[in-house]
Amino acid sequence: MTKCSAKFVMEPRSLRIWSQRVTNQNGKHKGVLMKPVKSSVVPKSNGGTVTTETVANILERELNPLIEAWLVRVEKEPDLIHIPLNHDERTGHLPHLIHDVIRRLRLDSGTKAPISKAAAEHGDLRRKQGYTVAMMVEESRLLQVSIFTTLHQNVKQLEFSALLPDVVTVADEVDAQLKEQMLRFMAADKAERANGK
């Protein structure tokens, strides 16, 4: 005969664990079974509750602070700021790219992600503004850093059951956007060389 004692253990970051101590008929400990239980409301230490959010919802809510955090990082990079651009010229593409990330996060699992039209247009624009490939790669890297920093700053509200898959999706989408930017950038460069300019 197997005997079980069970209890709920509350984790501080929105993940509840069902814990079972399993013993055999002689009372000898056989192990502990643990099973995550999804939760959208978690008790706080002061007796209140915290509502959890998806990565997509956090990025949507934090869109403007995220863009400003990205700009602060860009302005610390001499290679990027040596091309003089105003705020809108420097950041105008970001709402579109971030909304594409959010849309991708909300797709059903297994759904093929659409190609980002905003990313292609951004590749054209940055080329016309005098950017190099390395500069565009750096901007993309800083976007990922800014997104992940935003998620870290909102860690107490994150829905942990989907966090790792969502982080993978964010990285994949930002990289796919960069690829689309590079394809457009290089196609325009090749066309210009073919025309002898």
N, C-alpha and C. Protein backbone atom coordinates (compact mmCIF):
# COMPACT_ATOMS: atom_id res chain seq x y z
N MET A 1 0.84 -1.18 0.00
CA MET A 1 0.00 0.00 0.00
C MET A 1 0.89 1.25 0.00
N THR A 2 0.52 2.24 -0.82
CA THR A 2 1.27 3.49 -0.88
C THR A 2 0.46 4.57 -0.19
N LYS A 3 1.13 5.34 0.65
CA LYS A 3 0.49 6.41 1.40
C LYS A 3 0.99 7.75 0.86
N CYS A 4 0.09 8.72 0.75
CA CYS A 4 0.48 10.05 0.23
C CYS A 4 0.03 11.13 1.19
N SER A 5 0.85 12.12 1.36
CA SER A 5 0.41 13.36 2.01
C SER A 5 0.66 14.46 1.00
N ALA A 6 -0.24 15.40 0.91
CA ALA A 6 -0.13 16.41 -0.15
C ALA A 6 -0.37 17.79 0.40
N LYS A 7 0.17 18.79 -0.28
CA LYS A 7 -0.05 20.19 0.10
C LYS A 7 0.24 21.09 -1.08
N PHE A 8 -0.33 22.29 -1.04
CA PHE A 8 0.00 23.33 -2.03
C PHE A 8 1.16 24.15 -1.49
N VAL A 9 2.09 24.45 -2.33
CA VAL A 9 3.20 25.33 -1.98
C VAL A 9 3.10 26.54 -2.89
N MET A 10 3.04 27.72 -2.33
CA MET A 10 2.93 28.93 -3.16
C MET A 10 4.32 29.46 -3.46
N GLU A 11 4.61 29.61 -4.72
CA GLU A 11 5.85 30.22 -5.15
C GLU A 11 5.59 31.71 -5.33
N PRO A 12 6.56 32.57 -5.11
CA PRO A 12 6.33 34.00 -5.13
C PRO A 12 6.06 34.57 -6.52
N ARG A 13 6.33 33.85 -7.58
CA ARG A 13 6.22 34.43 -8.90
C ARG A 13 5.11 33.81 -9.73
N SER A 14 3.96 33.59 -9.17
CA SER A 14 2.76 33.17 -9.88
C SER A 14 2.72 31.71 -10.28
N LEU A 15 3.54 30.87 -9.70
CA LEU A 15 3.50 29.47 -10.03
C LEU A 15 3.17 28.69 -8.76
N ARG A 16 2.07 27.96 -8.81
CA ARG A 16 1.72 27.12 -7.67
C ARG A 16 2.21 25.71 -7.94
N ILE A 17 2.69 25.07 -6.92
CA ILE A 17 3.18 23.70 -7.05
C ILE A 17 2.36 22.80 -6.14
N TRP A 18 1.86 21.71 -6.69
CA TRP A 18 1.20 20.69 -5.90
C TRP A 18 2.27 19.69 -5.52
N SER A 19 2.50 19.55 -4.24
CA SER A 19 3.58 18.69 -3.76
C SER A 19 2.98 17.49 -3.05
N GLN A 20 3.46 16.29 -3.37
CA GLN A 20 2.99 15.07 -2.73
C GLN A 20 4.19 14.30 -2.20
N ARG A 21 4.15 13.95 -0.93
CA ARG A 21 5.18 13.07 -0.35
C ARG A 21 4.63 11.65 -0.46
N VAL A 22 5.37 10.81 -1.11
CA VAL A 22 4.91 9.45 -1.35
C VAL A 22 5.74 8.48 -0.51
N THR A 23 5.04 7.61 0.24
CA THR A 23 5.72 6.60 1.05
C THR A 23 5.15 5.22 0.72
N ASN A 24 5.92 4.19 0.95
CA ASN A 24 5.41 2.83 0.72
C ASN A 24 4.70 2.35 1.98
N GLN A 25 4.24 1.08 1.98
CA GLN A 25 3.44 0.56 3.08
C GLN A 25 4.22 0.47 4.39
N ASN A 26 5.54 0.43 4.33
CA ASN A 26 6.35 0.38 5.55
C ASN A 26 6.67 1.77 6.08
N GLY A 27 6.14 2.81 5.41
CA GLY A 27 6.40 4.18 5.85
C GLY A 27 7.70 4.73 5.32
N LYS A 28 8.38 3.97 4.47
CA LYS A 28 9.65 4.42 3.91
C LYS A 28 9.38 5.44 2.79
N HIS A 29 10.10 6.53 2.83
CA HIS A 29 9.95 7.62 1.85
C HIS A 29 10.33 7.14 0.45
N LYS A 30 9.40 7.31 -0.52
CA LYS A 30 9.68 6.90 -1.90
C LYS A 30 10.00 8.08 -2.80
N GLY A 31 9.66 9.29 -2.40
CA GLY A 31 9.93 10.45 -3.23
C GLY A 31 8.87 11.52 -3.08
N VAL A 32 9.03 12.56 -3.86
CA VAL A 32 8.08 13.67 -3.86
C VAL A 32 7.65 13.91 -5.30
N LEU A 33 6.36 13.98 -5.51
CA LEU A 33 5.82 14.32 -6.82
C LEU A 33 5.46 15.80 -6.81
N MET A 34 5.86 16.51 -7.83
CA MET A 34 5.53 17.93 -7.92
C MET A 34 4.90 18.20 -9.26
N LYS A 35 3.82 18.97 -9.26
CA LYS A 35 3.11 19.27 -10.49
C LYS A 35 2.76 20.75 -10.49
N PRO A 36 3.14 21.49 -11.57
CA PRO A 36 2.77 22.90 -11.62
C PRO A 36 1.27 23.06 -11.85
N VAL A 37 0.71 24.09 -11.23
CA VAL A 37 -0.69 24.42 -11.41
C VAL A 37 -0.76 25.86 -11.89
N LYS A 38 -1.32 26.09 -13.06
CA LYS A 38 -1.37 27.44 -13.64
C LYS A 38 -2.27 28.34 -12.81
N SER A 39 -1.83 29.57 -12.63
CA SER A 39 -2.58 30.53 -11.84
C SER A 39 -2.49 31.90 -12.47
N SER A 40 -3.56 32.66 -12.37
CA SER A 40 -3.49 34.02 -12.90
C SER A 40 -3.55 35.05 -11.78
N VAL A 41 -3.84 34.62 -10.57
CA VAL A 41 -3.84 35.52 -9.42
C VAL A 41 -3.04 34.87 -8.31
N VAL A 42 -2.10 35.62 -7.78
CA VAL A 42 -1.18 35.08 -6.78
C VAL A 42 -1.24 35.94 -5.52
N PRO A 43 -1.29 35.31 -4.35
CA PRO A 43 -1.28 36.11 -3.13
C PRO A 43 0.04 36.86 -2.95
N LYS A 44 -0.05 38.07 -2.41
CA LYS A 44 1.13 38.84 -2.06
C LYS A 44 1.38 38.68 -0.58
N SER A 45 2.57 39.01 -0.14
CA SER A 45 2.91 38.86 1.27
C SER A 45 2.05 39.76 2.16
N ASN A 46 1.53 40.86 1.61
CA ASN A 46 0.72 41.77 2.41
C ASN A 46 -0.76 41.40 2.40
N GLY A 47 -1.10 40.25 1.82
CA GLY A 47 -2.49 39.79 1.81
C GLY A 47 -3.24 40.14 0.54
N GLY A 48 -2.70 41.00 -0.32
CA GLY A 48 -3.35 41.33 -1.58
C GLY A 48 -3.04 40.29 -2.63
N THR A 49 -3.33 40.60 -3.87
CA THR A 49 -3.02 39.68 -4.96
C THR A 49 -2.31 40.41 -6.09
N VAL A 50 -1.62 39.63 -6.92
CA VAL A 50 -0.94 40.15 -8.10
C VAL A 50 -1.55 39.43 -9.29
N THR A 51 -1.96 40.17 -10.31
CA THR A 51 -2.47 39.56 -11.52
C THR A 51 -1.31 39.33 -12.47
N THR A 52 -1.24 38.12 -13.01
CA THR A 52 -0.15 37.82 -13.95
C THR A 52 -0.56 38.24 -15.35
N GLU A 53 0.44 38.51 -16.17
CA GLU A 53 0.22 38.94 -17.55
C GLU A 53 1.10 38.12 -18.48
N THR A 54 0.68 38.05 -19.72
CA THR A 54 1.50 37.40 -20.73
C THR A 54 2.62 38.35 -21.15
N VAL A 55 3.63 37.80 -21.79
CA VAL A 55 4.72 38.61 -22.34
C VAL A 55 4.15 39.62 -23.33
N ALA A 56 3.22 39.17 -24.18
CA ALA A 56 2.62 40.08 -25.17
C ALA A 56 1.92 41.25 -24.51
N ASN A 57 1.17 40.99 -23.45
CA ASN A 57 0.45 42.07 -22.76
C ASN A 57 1.41 43.06 -22.10
N ILE A 58 2.48 42.54 -21.51
CA ILE A 58 3.48 43.41 -20.88
C ILE A 58 4.15 44.29 -21.94
N LEU A 59 4.54 43.71 -23.07
CA LEU A 59 5.18 44.51 -24.13
C LEU A 59 4.22 45.56 -24.67
N GLU A 60 2.96 45.21 -24.79
CA GLU A 60 1.96 46.18 -25.26
C GLU A 60 1.79 47.32 -24.27
N ARG A 61 1.71 46.98 -22.99
CA ARG A 61 1.54 47.99 -21.94
C ARG A 61 2.76 48.88 -21.80
N GLU A 62 3.95 48.30 -21.98
CA GLU A 62 5.20 49.01 -21.76
C GLU A 62 5.83 49.53 -23.05
N LEU A 63 5.05 49.64 -24.12
CA LEU A 63 5.59 50.01 -25.43
C LEU A 63 6.41 51.30 -25.39
N ASN A 64 5.86 52.38 -24.89
CA ASN A 64 6.58 53.66 -24.90
C ASN A 64 7.81 53.66 -24.00
N PRO A 65 7.73 53.17 -22.76
CA PRO A 65 8.96 53.09 -21.96
C PRO A 65 10.03 52.19 -22.59
N LEU A 66 9.60 51.12 -23.26
CA LEU A 66 10.53 50.23 -23.94
C LEU A 66 11.27 50.96 -25.05
N ILE A 67 10.54 51.74 -25.83
CA ILE A 67 11.16 52.51 -26.92
C ILE A 67 12.14 53.52 -26.36
N GLU A 68 11.77 54.20 -25.29
CA GLU A 68 12.67 55.20 -24.69
C GLU A 68 13.91 54.53 -24.10
N ALA A 69 13.75 53.34 -23.51
CA ALA A 69 14.91 52.60 -22.97
C ALA A 69 15.84 52.19 -24.10
N TRP A 70 15.25 51.78 -25.23
CA TRP A 70 16.07 51.43 -26.41
C TRP A 70 16.85 52.65 -26.88
N LEU A 71 16.19 53.80 -26.94
CA LEU A 71 16.85 55.03 -27.40
C LEU A 71 18.01 55.41 -26.49
N VAL A 72 17.85 55.27 -25.18
CA VAL A 72 18.93 55.55 -24.24
C VAL A 72 20.14 54.67 -24.56
N ARG A 73 19.89 53.40 -24.84
CA ARG A 73 21.00 52.49 -25.18
C ARG A 73 21.66 52.89 -26.50
N VAL A 74 20.84 53.23 -27.49
CA VAL A 74 21.37 53.63 -28.80
C VAL A 74 22.25 54.87 -28.66
N GLU A 75 21.80 55.83 -27.85
CA GLU A 75 22.53 57.08 -27.70
C GLU A 75 23.87 56.90 -27.00
N LYS A 76 24.13 55.73 -26.44
CA LYS A 76 25.42 55.43 -25.82
C LYS A 76 26.38 54.75 -26.80
N GLU A 77 25.92 54.52 -28.02
CA GLU A 77 26.73 53.83 -29.02
C GLU A 77 27.24 54.83 -30.06
N PRO A 78 28.52 55.18 -30.01
CA PRO A 78 29.07 56.17 -30.94
C PRO A 78 28.86 55.81 -32.41
N ASP A 79 28.94 54.52 -32.73
CA ASP A 79 28.74 54.11 -34.13
C ASP A 79 27.34 54.43 -34.63
N LEU A 80 26.36 54.40 -33.73
CA LEU A 80 24.98 54.65 -34.14
C LEU A 80 24.64 56.14 -34.16
N ILE A 81 25.15 56.87 -33.19
CA ILE A 81 24.74 58.28 -33.10
C ILE A 81 25.54 59.20 -34.00
N HIS A 82 26.55 58.68 -34.67
CA HIS A 82 27.29 59.58 -35.56
C HIS A 82 26.44 59.95 -36.79
N ILE A 83 25.35 59.22 -37.02
CA ILE A 83 24.39 59.63 -38.06
C ILE A 83 23.32 60.45 -37.34
N PRO A 84 23.25 61.74 -37.64
CA PRO A 84 22.30 62.60 -36.92
C PRO A 84 20.86 62.34 -37.37
N LEU A 85 20.03 61.89 -36.43
CA LEU A 85 18.61 61.66 -36.67
C LEU A 85 17.82 62.24 -35.51
N ASN A 86 16.63 62.77 -35.80
CA ASN A 86 15.79 63.24 -34.70
C ASN A 86 15.09 62.04 -34.05
N HIS A 87 14.35 62.29 -33.00
CA HIS A 87 13.70 61.22 -32.23
C HIS A 87 12.83 60.34 -33.12
N ASP A 88 11.98 60.94 -33.94
CA ASP A 88 11.07 60.16 -34.79
C ASP A 88 11.83 59.38 -35.86
N GLU A 89 12.86 59.96 -36.43
CA GLU A 89 13.65 59.25 -37.43
C GLU A 89 14.38 58.06 -36.81
N ARG A 90 14.81 58.22 -35.57
CA ARG A 90 15.56 57.15 -34.90
C ARG A 90 14.62 56.05 -34.39
N THR A 91 13.44 56.42 -33.89
CA THR A 91 12.58 55.44 -33.21
C THR A 91 11.28 55.12 -33.95
N GLY A 92 10.99 55.80 -35.03
CA GLY A 92 9.69 55.66 -35.69
C GLY A 92 9.33 54.26 -36.13
N HIS A 93 10.32 53.43 -36.38
CA HIS A 93 10.06 52.06 -36.82
C HIS A 93 9.69 51.12 -35.68
N LEU A 94 10.09 51.48 -34.46
CA LEU A 94 9.96 50.55 -33.34
C LEU A 94 8.53 50.14 -32.99
N PRO A 95 7.55 51.07 -32.97
CA PRO A 95 6.18 50.60 -32.66
C PRO A 95 5.71 49.51 -33.61
N HIS A 96 6.07 49.63 -34.88
CA HIS A 96 5.66 48.62 -35.87
C HIS A 96 6.37 47.29 -35.63
N LEU A 97 7.68 47.34 -35.38
CA LEU A 97 8.42 46.11 -35.15
C LEU A 97 7.97 45.42 -33.86
N ILE A 98 7.75 46.20 -32.82
CA ILE A 98 7.32 45.61 -31.54
C ILE A 98 5.90 45.07 -31.66
N HIS A 99 5.03 45.75 -32.40
CA HIS A 99 3.67 45.21 -32.60
C HIS A 99 3.73 43.90 -33.39
N ASP A 100 4.69 43.78 -34.31
CA ASP A 100 4.86 42.49 -35.01
C ASP A 100 5.30 41.40 -34.04
N VAL A 101 6.16 41.74 -33.08
CA VAL A 101 6.56 40.78 -32.05
C VAL A 101 5.34 40.36 -31.23
N ILE A 102 4.53 41.33 -30.83
CA ILE A 102 3.33 41.05 -30.03
C ILE A 102 2.36 40.16 -30.81
N ARG A 103 2.16 40.49 -32.08
CA ARG A 103 1.28 39.65 -32.91
C ARG A 103 1.80 38.22 -33.00
N ARG A 104 3.11 38.09 -33.15
CA ARG A 104 3.72 36.76 -33.23
C ARG A 104 3.51 35.99 -31.93
N LEU A 105 3.64 36.65 -30.80
CA LEU A 105 3.43 36.01 -29.51
C LEU A 105 2.00 35.51 -29.35
N ARG A 106 1.07 36.17 -29.99
CA ARG A 106 -0.35 35.81 -29.85
C ARG A 106 -0.83 34.80 -30.89
N LEU A 107 0.05 34.40 -31.80
CA LEU A 107 -0.33 33.38 -32.77
C LEU A 107 -0.48 32.03 -32.08
N ASP A 108 -1.38 31.21 -32.61
CA ASP A 108 -1.51 29.85 -32.10
C ASP A 108 -0.22 29.09 -32.35
N SER A 109 0.09 28.18 -31.46
CA SER A 109 1.29 27.37 -31.61
C SER A 109 1.27 26.62 -32.93
N GLY A 110 2.39 26.64 -33.62
CA GLY A 110 2.49 25.95 -34.90
C GLY A 110 2.08 26.78 -36.10
N THR A 111 1.52 27.97 -35.88
CA THR A 111 1.13 28.85 -36.98
C THR A 111 2.37 29.50 -37.56
N LYS A 112 2.47 29.49 -38.88
CA LYS A 112 3.62 30.11 -39.54
C LYS A 112 3.56 31.63 -39.36
N ALA A 113 4.66 32.19 -38.94
CA ALA A 113 4.72 33.64 -38.70
C ALA A 113 4.79 34.39 -40.03
N PRO A 114 4.02 35.46 -40.17
CA PRO A 114 4.12 36.26 -41.39
C PRO A 114 5.44 37.04 -41.42
N ILE A 115 5.88 37.36 -42.63
CA ILE A 115 7.08 38.17 -42.78
C ILE A 115 6.73 39.61 -42.42
N SER A 116 7.60 40.24 -41.68
CA SER A 116 7.36 41.60 -41.21
C SER A 116 7.58 42.62 -42.32
N LYS A 117 6.49 43.22 -42.77
CA LYS A 117 6.59 44.29 -43.78
C LYS A 117 7.31 45.50 -43.19
N ALA A 118 7.05 45.77 -41.91
CA ALA A 118 7.70 46.90 -41.23
C ALA A 118 9.22 46.72 -41.21
N ALA A 119 9.68 45.49 -41.05
CA ALA A 119 11.13 45.24 -41.02
C ALA A 119 11.75 45.52 -42.38
N ALA A 120 11.08 45.10 -43.44
CA ALA A 120 11.59 45.34 -44.79
C ALA A 120 11.69 46.84 -45.06
N GLU A 121 10.65 47.57 -44.69
CA GLU A 121 10.64 49.02 -44.89
C GLU A 121 11.74 49.69 -44.06
N HIS A 122 11.97 49.17 -42.88
CA HIS A 122 13.02 49.72 -42.02
C HIS A 122 14.40 49.51 -42.64
N GLY A 123 14.59 48.34 -43.26
CA GLY A 123 15.87 48.09 -43.95
C GLY A 123 16.12 49.09 -45.05
N ASP A 124 15.08 49.40 -45.83
CA ASP A 124 15.20 50.42 -46.88
C ASP A 124 15.53 51.79 -46.29
N LEU A 125 14.80 52.14 -45.24
CA LEU A 125 14.98 53.46 -44.63
C LEU A 125 16.39 53.63 -44.06
N ARG A 126 16.86 52.65 -43.30
CA ARG A 126 18.18 52.78 -42.69
C ARG A 126 19.27 52.86 -43.76
N ARG A 127 19.12 52.16 -44.84
CA ARG A 127 20.11 52.24 -45.92
C ARG A 127 20.15 53.66 -46.48
N LYS A 128 18.98 54.25 -46.71
CA LYS A 128 18.91 55.62 -47.23
C LYS A 128 19.49 56.62 -46.23
N GLN A 129 19.39 56.30 -44.94
CA GLN A 129 19.92 57.19 -43.91
C GLN A 129 21.43 57.02 -43.72
N GLY A 130 22.04 56.06 -44.40
CA GLY A 130 23.48 55.90 -44.33
C GLY A 130 23.98 54.85 -43.36
N TYR A 131 23.10 54.02 -42.85
CA TYR A 131 23.51 52.96 -41.93
C TYR A 131 24.31 51.89 -42.67
N THR A 132 25.13 51.18 -41.90
CA THR A 132 25.82 50.00 -42.41
C THR A 132 25.09 48.76 -41.87
N VAL A 133 25.46 47.62 -42.40
CA VAL A 133 24.89 46.36 -41.91
C VAL A 133 25.19 46.20 -40.42
N ALA A 134 26.42 46.48 -40.02
CA ALA A 134 26.81 46.33 -38.61
C ALA A 134 25.98 47.23 -37.70
N MET A 135 25.65 48.43 -38.16
CA MET A 135 24.83 49.34 -37.36
C MET A 135 23.42 48.79 -37.18
N MET A 136 22.87 48.18 -38.22
CA MET A 136 21.53 47.62 -38.12
C MET A 136 21.50 46.40 -37.21
N VAL A 137 22.56 45.61 -37.25
CA VAL A 137 22.66 44.46 -36.36
C VAL A 137 22.72 44.95 -34.91
N GLU A 138 23.47 46.00 -34.67
CA GLU A 138 23.58 46.56 -33.31
C GLU A 138 22.23 47.09 -32.83
N GLU A 139 21.50 47.79 -33.69
CA GLU A 139 20.17 48.27 -33.31
C GLU A 139 19.25 47.11 -32.93
N SER A 140 19.31 46.04 -33.69
CA SER A 140 18.49 44.87 -33.42
C SER A 140 18.88 44.21 -32.09
N ARG A 141 20.17 44.12 -31.85
CA ARG A 141 20.65 43.56 -30.58
C ARG A 141 20.14 44.39 -29.41
N LEU A 142 20.20 45.71 -29.55
CA LEU A 142 19.73 46.59 -28.48
C LEU A 142 18.22 46.48 -28.28
N LEU A 143 17.49 46.18 -29.35
CA LEU A 143 16.04 45.96 -29.20
C LEU A 143 15.79 44.72 -28.35
N GLN A 144 16.52 43.64 -28.62
CA GLN A 144 16.34 42.44 -27.81
C GLN A 144 16.70 42.70 -26.35
N VAL A 145 17.81 43.38 -26.11
CA VAL A 145 18.21 43.71 -24.74
C VAL A 145 17.12 44.53 -24.06
N SER A 146 16.57 45.50 -24.76
CA SER A 146 15.52 46.36 -24.19
C SER A 146 14.25 45.57 -23.89
N ILE A 147 13.87 44.67 -24.78
CA ILE A 147 12.68 43.84 -24.55
C ILE A 147 12.89 42.95 -23.33
N PHE A 148 14.04 42.28 -23.25
CA PHE A 148 14.28 41.38 -22.13
C PHE A 148 14.44 42.14 -20.81
N THR A 149 14.99 43.33 -20.87
CA THR A 149 15.08 44.16 -19.66
C THR A 149 13.69 44.57 -19.19
N THR A 150 12.82 44.91 -20.13
CA THR A 150 11.44 45.26 -19.79
C THR A 150 10.74 44.07 -19.13
N LEU A 151 10.94 42.89 -19.65
CA LEU A 151 10.33 41.70 -19.04
C LEU A 151 10.90 41.47 -17.64
N HIS A 152 12.21 41.66 -17.49
CA HIS A 152 12.82 41.50 -16.17
C HIS A 152 12.24 42.51 -15.17
N GLN A 153 12.01 43.73 -15.61
CA GLN A 153 11.46 44.75 -14.72
C GLN A 153 10.01 44.45 -14.32
N ASN A 154 9.35 43.59 -15.08
CA ASN A 154 7.96 43.23 -14.81
C ASN A 154 7.85 41.76 -14.39
N VAL A 155 8.92 41.22 -13.85
CA VAL A 155 8.99 39.79 -13.54
C VAL A 155 7.89 39.34 -12.59
N LYS A 156 7.47 40.19 -11.68
CA LYS A 156 6.44 39.80 -10.71
C LYS A 156 5.06 39.66 -11.34
N GLN A 157 4.88 40.24 -12.53
CA GLN A 157 3.59 40.13 -13.20
C GLN A 157 3.58 39.07 -14.31
N LEU A 158 4.73 38.46 -14.58
CA LEU A 158 4.83 37.52 -15.70
C LEU A 158 4.14 36.20 -15.43
N GLU A 159 3.50 35.69 -16.46
CA GLU A 159 2.92 34.36 -16.43
C GLU A 159 4.04 33.37 -16.75
N PHE A 160 4.57 32.73 -15.72
CA PHE A 160 5.79 31.94 -15.87
C PHE A 160 5.62 30.68 -16.70
N SER A 161 4.41 30.16 -16.79
CA SER A 161 4.23 28.91 -17.53
C SER A 161 4.57 29.08 -19.01
N ALA A 162 4.45 30.30 -19.53
CA ALA A 162 4.73 30.54 -20.95
C ALA A 162 5.99 31.37 -21.17
N LEU A 163 6.70 31.70 -20.11
CA LEU A 163 7.83 32.63 -20.24
C LEU A 163 8.92 32.14 -21.19
N LEU A 164 9.44 30.95 -20.98
CA LEU A 164 10.54 30.49 -21.83
C LEU A 164 10.14 30.35 -23.28
N PRO A 165 8.98 29.74 -23.59
CA PRO A 165 8.58 29.70 -25.01
C PRO A 165 8.40 31.10 -25.59
N ASP A 166 7.90 32.04 -24.80
CA ASP A 166 7.71 33.41 -25.30
C ASP A 166 9.04 34.11 -25.53
N VAL A 167 10.02 33.87 -24.67
CA VAL A 167 11.35 34.46 -24.85
C VAL A 167 11.97 33.93 -26.15
N VAL A 168 11.81 32.63 -26.40
CA VAL A 168 12.30 32.05 -27.65
C VAL A 168 11.60 32.70 -28.84
N THR A 169 10.29 32.90 -28.73
CA THR A 169 9.51 33.52 -29.82
C THR A 169 9.97 34.96 -30.06
N VAL A 170 10.20 35.72 -28.99
CA VAL A 170 10.68 37.10 -29.13
C VAL A 170 12.02 37.11 -29.87
N ALA A 171 12.95 36.29 -29.42
CA ALA A 171 14.28 36.25 -30.05
C ALA A 171 14.17 35.84 -31.52
N ASP A 172 13.34 34.85 -31.79
CA ASP A 172 13.17 34.38 -33.16
C ASP A 172 12.56 35.47 -34.04
N GLU A 173 11.56 36.17 -33.53
CA GLU A 173 10.91 37.22 -34.33
C GLU A 173 11.85 38.39 -34.58
N VAL A 174 12.59 38.82 -33.57
CA VAL A 174 13.53 39.94 -33.76
C VAL A 174 14.62 39.54 -34.76
N ASP A 175 15.08 38.31 -34.67
CA ASP A 175 16.08 37.83 -35.64
C ASP A 175 15.49 37.73 -37.05
N ALA A 176 14.25 37.27 -37.16
CA ALA A 176 13.59 37.21 -38.48
C ALA A 176 13.40 38.61 -39.06
N GLN A 177 13.09 39.57 -38.20
CA GLN A 177 12.96 40.96 -38.65
C GLN A 177 14.30 41.47 -39.15
N LEU A 178 15.36 41.17 -38.43
CA LEU A 178 16.69 41.59 -38.85
C LEU A 178 17.04 40.97 -40.20
N LYS A 179 16.72 39.71 -40.38
CA LYS A 179 16.98 39.05 -41.66
C LYS A 179 16.24 39.78 -42.79
N GLU A 180 14.98 40.12 -42.55
CA GLU A 180 14.19 40.82 -43.57
C GLU A 180 14.79 42.20 -43.87
N GLN A 181 15.25 42.90 -42.84
CA GLN A 181 15.91 44.19 -43.03
C GLN A 181 17.15 44.03 -43.90
N MET A 182 17.94 43.00 -43.60
CA MET A 182 19.19 42.77 -44.34
C MET A 182 18.91 42.40 -45.80
N LEU A 183 17.89 41.59 -46.04
CA LEU A 183 17.55 41.21 -47.41
C LEU A 183 17.19 42.44 -48.23
N ARG A 184 16.38 43.34 -47.64
CA ARG A 184 16.00 44.56 -48.35
C ARG A 184 17.19 45.48 -48.54
N PHE A 185 17.99 45.61 -47.51
CA PHE A 185 19.19 46.45 -47.54
C PHE A 185 20.13 45.99 -48.65
N MET A 186 20.41 44.69 -48.68
CA MET A 186 21.35 44.15 -49.66
C MET A 186 20.78 44.17 -51.08
N ALA A 187 19.46 43.96 -51.21
CA ALA A 187 18.84 44.02 -52.54
C ALA A 187 18.94 45.43 -53.12
N ALA A 188 18.71 46.43 -52.29
CA ALA A 188 18.82 47.82 -52.75
C ALA A 188 20.27 48.15 -53.10
N ASP A 189 21.20 47.65 -52.30
CA ASP A 189 22.62 47.87 -52.55
C ASP A 189 23.04 47.23 -53.87
N LYS A 190 22.58 46.02 -54.10
CA LYS A 190 22.91 45.30 -55.33
C LYS A 190 22.32 46.01 -56.55
N ALA A 191 21.08 46.47 -56.43
CA ALA A 191 20.42 47.19 -57.54
C ALA A 191 21.16 48.49 -57.86
N GLU A 192 21.62 49.17 -56.81
CA GLU A 192 22.36 50.42 -57.02
C GLU A 192 23.68 50.15 -57.74
N ARG A 193 24.37 49.09 -57.35
CA ARG A 193 25.63 48.75 -58.01
C ARG A 193 25.39 48.35 -59.47
N ALA A 194 24.31 47.65 -59.72
CA ALA A 194 23.98 47.22 -61.09
C ALA A 194 23.68 48.42 -61.99
N ASN A 195 23.14 49.47 -61.40
CA ASN A 195 22.83 50.69 -62.15
C ASN A 195 24.04 51.60 -62.27
N GLY A 196 25.15 51.20 -61.67
CA GLY A 196 26.39 51.97 -61.79
C GLY A 196 26.44 53.22 -60.95
N LYS A 197 25.66 53.26 -59.89
CA LYS A 197 25.68 54.45 -59.03
C LYS A 197 26.75 54.36 -57.99
